[in-house]
């Protein structure tokens, strides 16, 4: 059943994104930013953790998970080390994803040439 829940959640996020793109003048960058903020907002009230329990890995795949990880890491470190460590905690959980994106994009830029 978790596979069905995962598929439904990811499909719902994609449906929302496509509806926003089709019916507004927002760019994909705007939609991505909106989803990151929504994920962070849902994590603030511990709603996203319940979605992860319901949808499993399907809730960890969309861009909303990035906002969840940013705010989740920031809140964990702020509770342990105080308010000054808030920004340090934002990148604890997301460091591997950000690093791999930078490394892969660098190597792919060496292989492929821009169209113009």
Protein backbone atom coordinates (compact mmCIF):
# COMPACT_ATOMS: atom_id res chain seq x y z
CA UNK A 1 0.00 0.00 0.00
CA UNK A 2 2.93 2.33 0.63
CA UNK A 3 3.77 2.20 -3.09
CA UNK A 4 0.30 3.46 -3.95
CA UNK A 5 0.53 6.22 -1.33
CA UNK A 6 3.97 7.19 -2.64
CA UNK A 7 2.68 7.35 -6.21
CA UNK A 8 -0.37 9.38 -5.16
CA UNK A 9 1.68 11.94 -3.22
CA UNK A 10 4.27 12.44 -5.98
CA UNK A 11 1.51 12.61 -8.56
CA UNK A 12 -0.34 15.21 -6.50
CA UNK A 13 2.77 17.38 -6.19
CA UNK A 14 3.39 17.11 -9.95
CA UNK A 15 -0.27 17.89 -10.66
CA UNK A 16 -0.11 21.02 -8.52
CA UNK A 17 3.09 22.14 -10.20
CA UNK A 18 1.69 21.62 -13.69
CA UNK A 19 -1.56 23.41 -12.82
CA UNK A 20 0.40 26.38 -11.49
CA UNK A 21 2.56 26.49 -14.62
CA UNK A 22 -0.42 26.19 -16.97
CA UNK A 23 -2.70 28.72 -15.28
CA UNK A 24 -0.29 31.42 -14.12
CA UNK A 25 2.63 33.35 -15.55
CA UNK A 26 5.03 31.91 -12.98
CA UNK A 27 8.26 30.35 -14.20
CA UNK A 28 9.52 26.90 -13.14
CA UNK A 29 11.93 28.65 -10.78
CA UNK A 30 9.04 30.34 -9.02
CA UNK A 31 7.16 27.05 -8.69
CA UNK A 32 10.25 25.33 -7.30
CA UNK A 33 10.68 28.08 -4.73
CA UNK A 34 7.01 27.84 -3.75
CA UNK A 35 7.33 24.07 -3.20
CA UNK A 36 10.47 24.47 -1.07
CA UNK A 37 8.69 27.05 1.10
CA UNK A 38 5.59 24.84 1.39
CA UNK A 39 7.77 21.91 2.48
CA UNK A 40 9.48 24.06 5.11
CA UNK A 41 6.13 25.43 6.29
CA UNK A 42 4.66 21.93 6.62
CA UNK A 43 7.71 20.80 8.58
CA UNK A 44 7.35 23.73 10.96
CA UNK A 45 4.09 22.22 12.22
CA UNK A 46 5.33 18.58 11.94
CA UNK A 47 2.86 17.86 9.15
CA UNK A 48 5.51 16.78 6.66
CA UNK A 49 6.76 14.06 9.03
CA UNK A 50 3.27 12.57 9.01
CA UNK A 51 3.22 12.75 5.21
CA UNK A 52 6.54 10.86 5.14
CA UNK A 53 5.08 8.15 7.37
CA UNK A 54 2.09 7.87 5.04
CA UNK A 55 3.85 8.13 1.66
CA UNK A 56 7.26 6.73 2.52
CA UNK A 57 9.98 7.46 -0.01
CA UNK A 58 7.48 9.20 -2.26
CA UNK A 59 7.49 12.13 0.13
CA UNK A 60 11.28 12.30 0.07
CA UNK A 61 11.56 12.60 -3.72
CA UNK A 62 9.75 15.88 -4.62
CA UNK A 63 11.27 19.31 -4.11
CA UNK A 64 9.04 19.80 -1.06
CA UNK A 65 11.36 17.42 0.76
CA UNK A 66 14.25 19.87 0.31
CA UNK A 67 12.36 22.53 2.26
CA UNK A 68 11.49 19.94 4.88
CA UNK A 69 15.16 18.95 5.27
CA UNK A 70 16.33 22.57 5.47
CA UNK A 71 13.93 23.52 8.24
CA UNK A 72 14.20 20.15 10.02
CA UNK A 73 17.99 20.40 10.25
CA UNK A 74 17.85 24.02 11.33
CA UNK A 75 15.36 23.32 14.12
CA UNK A 76 17.30 20.29 15.39
CA UNK A 77 20.59 22.16 15.66
CA UNK A 78 18.91 25.27 17.11
CA UNK A 79 17.37 23.15 19.88
CA UNK A 80 20.72 21.52 20.70
CA UNK A 81 23.21 24.36 20.23
CA UNK A 82 21.14 27.52 20.42
CA UNK A 83 19.92 30.14 18.02
CA UNK A 84 23.38 31.06 16.69
CA UNK A 85 23.79 27.59 15.14
CA UNK A 86 20.50 27.87 13.24
CA UNK A 87 22.08 28.48 9.82
CA UNK A 88 24.69 25.77 10.35
CA UNK A 89 21.98 23.16 10.81
CA UNK A 90 20.20 24.06 7.59
CA UNK A 91 22.93 22.42 5.55
CA UNK A 92 23.67 19.37 7.71
CA UNK A 93 20.93 17.23 6.18
CA UNK A 94 21.16 18.67 2.66
CA UNK A 95 24.93 18.84 2.25
CA UNK A 96 25.26 15.57 0.35
CA UNK A 97 22.53 16.50 -2.15
CA UNK A 98 23.92 19.97 -2.75
CA UNK A 99 27.48 18.66 -3.10
CA UNK A 100 26.50 15.93 -5.54
CA UNK A 101 24.50 18.42 -7.64
CA UNK A 102 27.53 20.71 -7.88
CA UNK A 103 29.94 17.89 -8.75
CA UNK A 104 27.64 16.29 -11.35
CA UNK A 105 26.86 19.62 -12.98
CA UNK A 106 30.57 20.43 -13.20
CA UNK A 107 31.43 17.16 -14.93
CA UNK A 108 28.43 17.34 -17.23
CA UNK A 109 29.42 20.87 -18.23
CA UNK A 110 32.77 19.51 -19.37
CA UNK A 111 31.09 16.91 -21.59
CA UNK A 112 28.23 18.87 -23.14
CA UNK A 113 28.38 22.16 -25.02
CA UNK A 114 25.70 24.87 -24.67
CA UNK A 115 23.44 25.41 -27.67
CA UNK A 116 23.99 29.16 -27.65
